[in-house]
């Protein structure tokens, strides 16, 4: 788990990575968060991109929560 952030774009932009690592980094779950924060701090990203990313993260959270609740209720029934 400690090594996973190193595969994202947290330390270097994905444009400077080799092609095999770029594919992994662009699909990494931390990369959109890092790019949004970096863009908001430097003023290069629009607010709509940040909003779409937040909505996507909320959707992933909600679907994971719903699935986990469904599994828990199914396993605790007698």
PDB file of N, CA and C in Angstrom:
ATOM      1  N   UNK A   1       0.807  -1.188   0.000  1.00  0.00           N
ATOM      2  CA  UNK A   1       0.000   0.000   0.000  1.00  0.00           C
ATOM      3  C   UNK A   1       0.856   1.262   0.000  1.00  0.00           C
ATOM      4  N   UNK A   2       2.004   1.207   0.621  1.00  0.00           N
ATOM      5  CA  UNK A   2       2.836   2.405   0.678  1.00  0.00           C
ATOM      6  C   UNK A   2       3.450   2.742  -0.671  1.00  0.00           C
ATOM      7  N   UNK A   3       3.598   1.757  -1.538  1.00  0.00           N
ATOM      8  CA  UNK A   3       4.225   1.987  -2.830  1.00  0.00           C
ATOM      9  C   UNK A   3       3.248   2.546  -3.870  1.00  0.00           C
ATOM     10  N   UNK A   4       1.949   2.352  -3.676  1.00  0.00           N
ATOM     11  CA  UNK A   4       0.954   2.743  -4.678  1.00  0.00           C
ATOM     12  C   UNK A   4       0.967   4.226  -5.054  1.00  0.00           C
ATOM     13  N   UNK A   5       1.114   5.181  -4.121  1.00  0.00           N
ATOM     14  CA  UNK A   5       1.148   6.588  -4.554  1.00  0.00           C
ATOM     15  C   UNK A   5       2.315   6.929  -5.471  1.00  0.00           C
ATOM     16  N   UNK A   6       3.384   6.152  -5.417  1.00  0.00           N
ATOM     17  CA  UNK A   6       4.516   6.407  -6.302  1.00  0.00           C
ATOM     18  C   UNK A   6       4.175   6.122  -7.760  1.00  0.00           C
ATOM     19  N   UNK A   7       3.157   5.301  -7.991  1.00  0.00           N
ATOM     20  CA  UNK A   7       2.739   4.998  -9.360  1.00  0.00           C
ATOM     21  C   UNK A   7       1.768   6.029  -9.919  1.00  0.00           C
ATOM     22  N   UNK A   8       1.328   6.968  -9.108  1.00  0.00           N
ATOM     23  CA  UNK A   8       0.406   8.001  -9.578  1.00  0.00           C
ATOM     24  C   UNK A   8       1.207   9.199 -10.094  1.00  0.00           C
ATOM     25  N   UNK A   9       0.490  10.264 -10.397  1.00  0.00           N
ATOM     26  CA  UNK A   9       1.161  11.471 -10.881  1.00  0.00           C
ATOM     27  C   UNK A   9       1.447  12.442  -9.741  1.00  0.00           C
ATOM     28  N   UNK A  10       1.577  11.946  -8.524  1.00  0.00           N
ATOM     29  CA  UNK A  10       1.790  12.805  -7.366  1.00  0.00           C
ATOM     30  C   UNK A  10       3.161  13.483  -7.386  1.00  0.00           C
ATOM     31  N   UNK A  11       4.153  12.837  -7.938  1.00  0.00           N
ATOM     32  CA  UNK A  11       5.504  13.384  -7.887  1.00  0.00           C
ATOM     33  C   UNK A  11       5.980  13.938  -9.224  1.00  0.00           C
ATOM     34  N   UNK A  12       5.576  13.326 -10.309  1.00  0.00           N
ATOM     35  CA  UNK A  12       5.939  13.813 -11.642  1.00  0.00           C
ATOM     36  C   UNK A  12       4.713  13.733 -12.549  1.00  0.00           C
ATOM     37  N   UNK A  13       4.603  14.632 -13.535  1.00  0.00           N
ATOM     38  CA  UNK A  13       3.487  14.547 -14.479  1.00  0.00           C
ATOM     39  C   UNK A  13       3.567  13.275 -15.313  1.00  0.00           C
ATOM     40  N   UNK A  14       2.413  12.779 -15.739  1.00  0.00           N
ATOM     41  CA  UNK A  14       2.396  11.540 -16.503  1.00  0.00           C
ATOM     42  C   UNK A  14       3.015  11.696 -17.882  1.00  0.00           C
ATOM     43  N   UNK A  15       3.100  12.918 -18.395  1.00  0.00           N
ATOM     44  CA  UNK A  15       3.705  13.133 -19.716  1.00  0.00           C
ATOM     45  C   UNK A  15       5.192  12.792 -19.736  1.00  0.00           C
ATOM     46  N   UNK A  16       5.854  12.849 -18.597  1.00  0.00           N
ATOM     47  CA  UNK A  16       7.295  12.594 -18.541  1.00  0.00           C
ATOM     48  C   UNK A  16       7.637  11.133 -18.254  1.00  0.00           C
ATOM     49  N   UNK A  17       6.630  10.293 -18.070  1.00  0.00           N
ATOM     50  CA  UNK A  17       6.863   8.883 -17.731  1.00  0.00           C
ATOM     51  C   UNK A  17       7.025   8.035 -18.976  1.00  0.00           C
ATOM     52  N   UNK A  18       7.707   6.888 -18.854  1.00  0.00           N
ATOM     53  CA  UNK A  18       7.770   5.937 -19.969  1.00  0.00           C
ATOM     54  C   UNK A  18       6.366   5.410 -20.285  1.00  0.00           C
ATOM     55  N   UNK A  19       6.176   4.904 -21.471  1.00  0.00           N
ATOM     56  CA  UNK A  19       4.840   4.520 -21.935  1.00  0.00           C
ATOM     57  C   UNK A  19       4.201   3.431 -21.074  1.00  0.00           C
ATOM     58  N   UNK A  20       4.971   2.439 -20.625  1.00  0.00           N
ATOM     59  CA  UNK A  20       4.383   1.364 -19.818  1.00  0.00           C
ATOM     60  C   UNK A  20       3.934   1.879 -18.454  1.00  0.00           C
ATOM     61  N   UNK A  21       4.666   2.820 -17.881  1.00  0.00           N
ATOM     62  CA  UNK A  21       4.304   3.382 -16.588  1.00  0.00           C
ATOM     63  C   UNK A  21       3.210   4.441 -16.727  1.00  0.00           C
ATOM     64  N   UNK A  22       3.180   5.133 -17.858  1.00  0.00           N
ATOM     65  CA  UNK A  22       2.156   6.144 -18.107  1.00  0.00           C
ATOM     66  C   UNK A  22       0.764   5.516 -18.132  1.00  0.00           C
ATOM     67  N   UNK A  23       0.638   4.344 -18.733  1.00  0.00           N
ATOM     68  CA  UNK A  23      -0.666   3.671 -18.794  1.00  0.00           C
ATOM     69  C   UNK A  23      -1.153   3.306 -17.395  1.00  0.00           C
ATOM     70  N   UNK A  24      -0.268   2.849 -16.542  1.00  0.00           N
ATOM     71  CA  UNK A  24      -0.641   2.508 -15.170  1.00  0.00           C
ATOM     72  C   UNK A  24      -0.986   3.771 -14.388  1.00  0.00           C
ATOM     73  N   UNK A  25      -0.186   4.802 -14.556  1.00  0.00           N
ATOM     74  CA  UNK A  25      -0.372   6.032 -13.797  1.00  0.00           C
ATOM     75  C   UNK A  25      -1.650   6.775 -14.180  1.00  0.00           C
ATOM     76  N   UNK A  26      -1.999   6.783 -15.445  1.00  0.00           N
ATOM     77  CA  UNK A  26      -3.195   7.502 -15.869  1.00  0.00           C
ATOM     78  C   UNK A  26      -4.470   6.817 -15.399  1.00  0.00           C
ATOM     79  N   UNK A  27      -4.420   5.530 -15.111  1.00  0.00           N
ATOM     80  CA  UNK A  27      -5.584   4.799 -14.626  1.00  0.00           C
ATOM     81  C   UNK A  27      -5.545   4.557 -13.125  1.00  0.00           C
ATOM     82  N   UNK A  28      -4.641   5.190 -12.458  1.00  0.00           N
ATOM     83  CA  UNK A  28      -4.493   5.050 -11.012  1.00  0.00           C
ATOM     84  C   UNK A  28      -5.564   5.885 -10.314  1.00  0.00           C
ATOM     85  N   UNK A  29      -6.175   5.399  -9.239  1.00  0.00           N
ATOM     86  CA  UNK A  29      -7.251   6.158  -8.598  1.00  0.00           C
ATOM     87  C   UNK A  29      -6.812   7.457  -7.919  1.00  0.00           C
ATOM     88  N   UNK A  30      -5.550   7.585  -7.581  1.00  0.00           N
ATOM     89  CA  UNK A  30      -5.075   8.807  -6.927  1.00  0.00           C
ATOM     90  C   UNK A  30      -4.765   9.904  -7.937  1.00  0.00           C
ATOM     91  N   UNK A  31      -4.468   9.540  -9.172  1.00  0.00           N
ATOM     92  CA  UNK A  31      -4.070  10.514 -10.185  1.00  0.00           C
ATOM     93  C   UNK A  31      -5.112  11.604 -10.420  1.00  0.00           C
ATOM     94  N   UNK A  32      -6.401  11.314 -10.584  1.00  0.00           N
ATOM     95  CA  UNK A  32      -7.360  12.412 -10.780  1.00  0.00           C
ATOM     96  C   UNK A  32      -7.430  13.378  -9.609  1.00  0.00           C
ATOM     97  N   UNK A  33      -7.274  12.866  -8.400  1.00  0.00           N
ATOM     98  CA  UNK A  33      -7.298  13.746  -7.228  1.00  0.00           C
ATOM     99  C   UNK A  33      -6.091  14.669  -7.237  1.00  0.00           C
ATOM    100  N   UNK A  34      -4.930  14.113  -7.507  1.00  0.00           N
ATOM    101  CA  UNK A  34      -3.695  14.900  -7.536  1.00  0.00           C
ATOM    102  C   UNK A  34      -3.755  15.950  -8.646  1.00  0.00           C
ATOM    103  N   UNK A  35      -4.219  15.573  -9.828  1.00  0.00           N
ATOM    104  CA  UNK A  35      -4.290  16.513 -10.942  1.00  0.00           C
ATOM    105  C   UNK A  35      -5.282  17.642 -10.674  1.00  0.00           C
ATOM    106  N   UNK A  36      -6.386  17.336 -10.009  1.00  0.00           N
ATOM    107  CA  UNK A  36      -7.364  18.371  -9.684  1.00  0.00           C
ATOM    108  C   UNK A  36      -6.800  19.359  -8.683  1.00  0.00           C
ATOM    109  N   UNK A  37      -6.173  18.862  -7.636  1.00  0.00           N
ATOM    110  CA  UNK A  37      -5.586  19.748  -6.631  1.00  0.00           C
ATOM    111  C   UNK A  37      -4.464  20.572  -7.242  1.00  0.00           C
ATOM    112  N   UNK A  38      -3.622  19.952  -8.046  1.00  0.00           N
ATOM    113  CA  UNK A  38      -2.524  20.668  -8.696  1.00  0.00           C
ATOM    114  C   UNK A  38      -3.064  21.758  -9.619  1.00  0.00           C
ATOM    115  N   UNK A  39      -4.118  21.437 -10.368  1.00  0.00           N
ATOM    116  CA  UNK A  39      -4.704  22.408 -11.271  1.00  0.00           C
ATOM    117  C   UNK A  39      -5.366  23.558 -10.547  1.00  0.00           C
ATOM    118  N   UNK A  40      -6.042  23.280  -9.447  1.00  0.00           N
ATOM    119  CA  UNK A  40      -6.667  24.354  -8.686  1.00  0.00           C
ATOM    120  C   UNK A  40      -5.631  25.265  -8.037  1.00  0.00           C
ATOM    121  N   UNK A  41      -4.502  24.708  -7.621  1.00  0.00           N
ATOM    122  CA  UNK A  41      -3.456  25.526  -7.014  1.00  0.00           C
ATOM    123  C   UNK A  41      -2.717  26.375  -8.036  1.00  0.00           C
ATOM    124  N   UNK A  42      -2.557  25.848  -9.246  1.00  0.00           N
ATOM    125  CA  UNK A  42      -1.835  26.608 -10.270  1.00  0.00           C
ATOM    126  C   UNK A  42      -2.763  27.396 -11.176  1.00  0.00           C
ATOM    127  N   UNK A  43      -4.060  27.129 -11.094  1.00  0.00           N
ATOM    128  CA  UNK A  43      -5.021  27.869 -11.905  1.00  0.00           C
ATOM    129  C   UNK A  43      -5.138  27.363 -13.326  1.00  0.00           C
ATOM    130  N   UNK A  44      -4.734  26.138 -13.606  1.00  0.00           N
ATOM    131  CA  UNK A  44      -4.793  25.628 -14.971  1.00  0.00           C
ATOM    132  C   UNK A  44      -6.017  24.784 -15.249  1.00  0.00           C
ATOM    133  N   UNK A  45      -6.637  24.218 -14.233  1.00  0.00           N
ATOM    134  CA  UNK A  45      -7.831  23.396 -14.418  1.00  0.00           C
ATOM    135  C   UNK A  45      -9.074  24.246 -14.182  1.00  0.00           C
ATOM    136  N   UNK A  46     -10.132  23.886 -14.869  1.00  0.00           N
ATOM    137  CA  UNK A  46     -11.387  24.588 -14.634  1.00  0.00           C
ATOM    138  C   UNK A  46     -12.116  23.974 -13.452  1.00  0.00           C
ATOM    139  N   UNK A  47     -13.027  24.714 -12.882  1.00  0.00           N
ATOM    140  CA  UNK A  47     -13.786  24.224 -11.727  1.00  0.00           C
ATOM    141  C   UNK A  47     -14.717  23.094 -12.132  1.00  0.00           C
ATOM    142  N   UNK A  48     -15.127  23.048 -13.384  1.00  0.00           N
ATOM    143  CA  UNK A  48     -16.036  21.976 -13.813  1.00  0.00           C
ATOM    144  C   UNK A  48     -15.329  20.629 -13.800  1.00  0.00           C
ATOM    145  N   UNK A  49     -14.046  20.599 -14.135  1.00  0.00           N
ATOM    146  CA  UNK A  49     -13.298  19.338 -14.090  1.00  0.00           C
ATOM    147  C   UNK A  49     -13.210  18.832 -12.660  1.00  0.00           C
ATOM    148  N   UNK A  50     -13.000  19.732 -11.721  1.00  0.00           N
ATOM    149  CA  UNK A  50     -12.941  19.332 -10.314  1.00  0.00           C
ATOM    150  C   UNK A  50     -14.289  18.810  -9.853  1.00  0.00           C
ATOM    151  N   UNK A  51     -15.354  19.447 -10.310  1.00  0.00           N
ATOM    152  CA  UNK A  51     -16.690  19.003  -9.932  1.00  0.00           C
ATOM    153  C   UNK A  51     -17.010  17.626 -10.476  1.00  0.00           C
ATOM    154  N   UNK A  52     -16.638  17.370 -11.722  1.00  0.00           N
ATOM    155  CA  UNK A  52     -16.885  16.048 -12.301  1.00  0.00           C
ATOM    156  C   UNK A  52     -16.081  14.975 -11.576  1.00  0.00           C
ATOM    157  N   UNK A  53     -14.876  15.298 -11.194  1.00  0.00           N
ATOM    158  CA  UNK A  53     -14.054  14.322 -10.476  1.00  0.00           C
ATOM    159  C   UNK A  53     -14.653  14.027  -9.100  1.00  0.00           C
ATOM    160  N   UNK A  54     -15.140  15.062  -8.424  1.00  0.00           N
ATOM    161  CA  UNK A  54     -15.768  14.848  -7.126  1.00  0.00           C
ATOM    162  C   UNK A  54     -17.027  13.998  -7.262  1.00  0.00           C
ATOM    163  N   UNK A  55     -17.798  14.241  -8.311  1.00  0.00           N
ATOM    164  CA  UNK A  55     -19.003  13.436  -8.533  1.00  0.00           C
ATOM    165  C   UNK A  55     -18.644  11.976  -8.804  1.00  0.00           C
ATOM    166  N   UNK A  56     -17.594  11.758  -9.570  1.00  0.00           N
ATOM    167  CA  UNK A  56     -17.153  10.393  -9.842  1.00  0.00           C
ATOM    168  C   UNK A  56     -16.680   9.695  -8.585  1.00  0.00           C
ATOM    169  N   UNK A  57     -15.944  10.395  -7.754  1.00  0.00           N
ATOM    170  CA  UNK A  57     -15.482   9.806  -6.507  1.00  0.00           C
ATOM    171  C   UNK A  57     -16.654   9.510  -5.582  1.00  0.00           C
ATOM    172  N   UNK A  58     -17.616  10.420  -5.525  1.00  0.00           N
ATOM    173  CA  UNK A  58     -18.798  10.190  -4.686  1.00  0.00           C
ATOM    174  C   UNK A  58     -19.586   8.989  -5.197  1.00  0.00           C
ATOM    175  N   UNK A  59     -19.685   8.842  -6.513  1.00  0.00           N
ATOM    176  CA  UNK A  59     -20.378   7.688  -7.084  1.00  0.00           C
ATOM    177  C   UNK A  59     -19.677   6.385  -6.753  1.00  0.00           C
ATOM    178  N   UNK A  60     -18.354   6.369  -6.817  1.00  0.00           N
ATOM    179  CA  UNK A  60     -17.596   5.167  -6.454  1.00  0.00           C
ATOM    180  C   UNK A  60     -17.783   4.842  -4.976  1.00  0.00           C
ATOM    181  N   UNK A  61     -17.757   5.873  -4.142  1.00  0.00           N
ATOM    182  CA  UNK A  61     -17.950   5.652  -2.718  1.00  0.00           C
ATOM    183  C   UNK A  61     -19.343   5.106  -2.449  1.00  0.00           C
ATOM    184  N   UNK A  62     -20.347   5.713  -3.054  1.00  0.00           N
ATOM    185  CA  UNK A  62     -21.720   5.296  -2.807  1.00  0.00           C
ATOM    186  C   UNK A  62     -21.964   3.862  -3.282  1.00  0.00           C
ATOM    187  N   UNK A  63     -21.462   3.512  -4.441  1.00  0.00           N
ATOM    188  CA  UNK A  63     -21.668   2.149  -4.928  1.00  0.00           C
ATOM    189  C   UNK A  63     -20.920   1.139  -4.051  1.00  0.00           C
ATOM    190  N   UNK A  64     -19.739   1.469  -3.575  1.00  0.00           N
ATOM    191  CA  UNK A  64     -18.995   0.579  -2.675  1.00  0.00           C
ATOM    192  C   UNK A  64     -19.724   0.420  -1.342  1.00  0.00           C
ATOM    193  N   UNK A  65     -20.243   1.514  -0.826  1.00  0.00           N
ATOM    194  CA  UNK A  65     -20.990   1.478   0.431  1.00  0.00           C
ATOM    195  C   UNK A  65     -22.246   0.627   0.298  1.00  0.00           C
ATOM    196  N   UNK A  66     -22.962   0.803  -0.792  1.00  0.00           N
ATOM    197  CA  UNK A  66     -24.187   0.029  -1.018  1.00  0.00           C
ATOM    198  C   UNK A  66     -23.881  -1.457  -1.149  1.00  0.00           C
ATOM    199  N   UNK A  67     -22.864  -1.794  -1.894  1.00  0.00           N
ATOM    200  CA  UNK A  67     -22.479  -3.191  -2.077  1.00  0.00           C
ATOM    201  C   UNK A  67     -22.029  -3.815  -0.760  1.00  0.00           C
ATOM    202  N   UNK A  68     -21.237  -3.088   0.022  1.00  0.00           N
ATOM    203  CA  UNK A  68     -20.767  -3.610   1.306  1.00  0.00           C
ATOM    204  C   UNK A  68     -21.930  -3.809   2.277  1.00  0.00           C
ATOM    205  N   UNK A  69     -22.877  -2.886   2.280  1.00  0.00           N
ATOM    206  CA  UNK A  69     -24.053  -3.025   3.138  1.00  0.00           C
ATOM    207  C   UNK A  69     -24.874  -4.233   2.734  1.00  0.00           C
ATOM    208  N   UNK A  70     -25.056  -4.428   1.453  1.00  0.00           N
ATOM    209  CA  UNK A  70     -25.799  -5.570   0.940  1.00  0.00           C
ATOM    210  C   UNK A  70     -25.119  -6.887   1.335  1.00  0.00           C
ATOM    211  N   UNK A  71     -23.796  -6.940   1.195  1.00  0.00           N
ATOM    212  CA  UNK A  71     -23.061  -8.147   1.588  1.00  0.00           C
ATOM    213  C   UNK A  71     -23.169  -8.405   3.093  1.00  0.00           C
ATOM    214  N   UNK A  72     -23.032  -7.349   3.873  1.00  0.00           N
ATOM    215  CA  UNK A  72     -23.097  -7.502   5.336  1.00  0.00           C
ATOM    216  C   UNK A  72     -24.463  -8.020   5.762  1.00  0.00           C
ATOM    217  N   UNK A  73     -25.506  -7.450   5.236  1.00  0.00           N
ATOM    218  CA  UNK A  73     -26.863  -7.893   5.598  1.00  0.00           C
ATOM    219  C   UNK A  73     -27.114  -9.320   5.144  1.00  0.00           C
ATOM    220  N   UNK A  74     -26.598  -9.687   4.009  1.00  0.00           N
ATOM    221  CA  UNK A  74     -26.773 -11.058   3.529  1.00  0.00           C
ATOM    222  C   UNK A  74     -26.048 -12.081   4.374  1.00  0.00           C
ATOM    223  N   UNK A  75     -24.908 -11.733   4.905  1.00  0.00           N
ATOM    224  CA  UNK A  75     -24.124 -12.676   5.710  1.00  0.00           C
ATOM    225  C   UNK A  75     -24.569 -12.740   7.156  1.00  0.00           C
ATOM    226  N   UNK A  76     -25.235 -11.699   7.654  1.00  0.00           N
ATOM    227  CA  UNK A  76     -25.633 -11.704   9.062  1.00  0.00           C
ATOM    228  C   UNK A  76     -27.035 -12.285   9.268  1.00  0.00           C
ATOM    229  N   UNK A  77     -27.753 -12.558   8.216  1.00  0.00           N
ATOM    230  CA  UNK A  77     -29.068 -13.176   8.363  1.00  0.00           C
ATOM    231  C   UNK A  77     -28.916 -14.645   8.713  1.00  0.00           C
ATOM    232  N   UNK A  78     -29.807 -15.126   9.523  1.00  0.00           N
ATOM    233  CA  UNK A  78     -29.728 -16.530   9.950  1.00  0.00           C
ATOM    234  C   UNK A  78     -30.300 -17.469   8.921  1.00  0.00           C
TER     235      UNK A  78
END
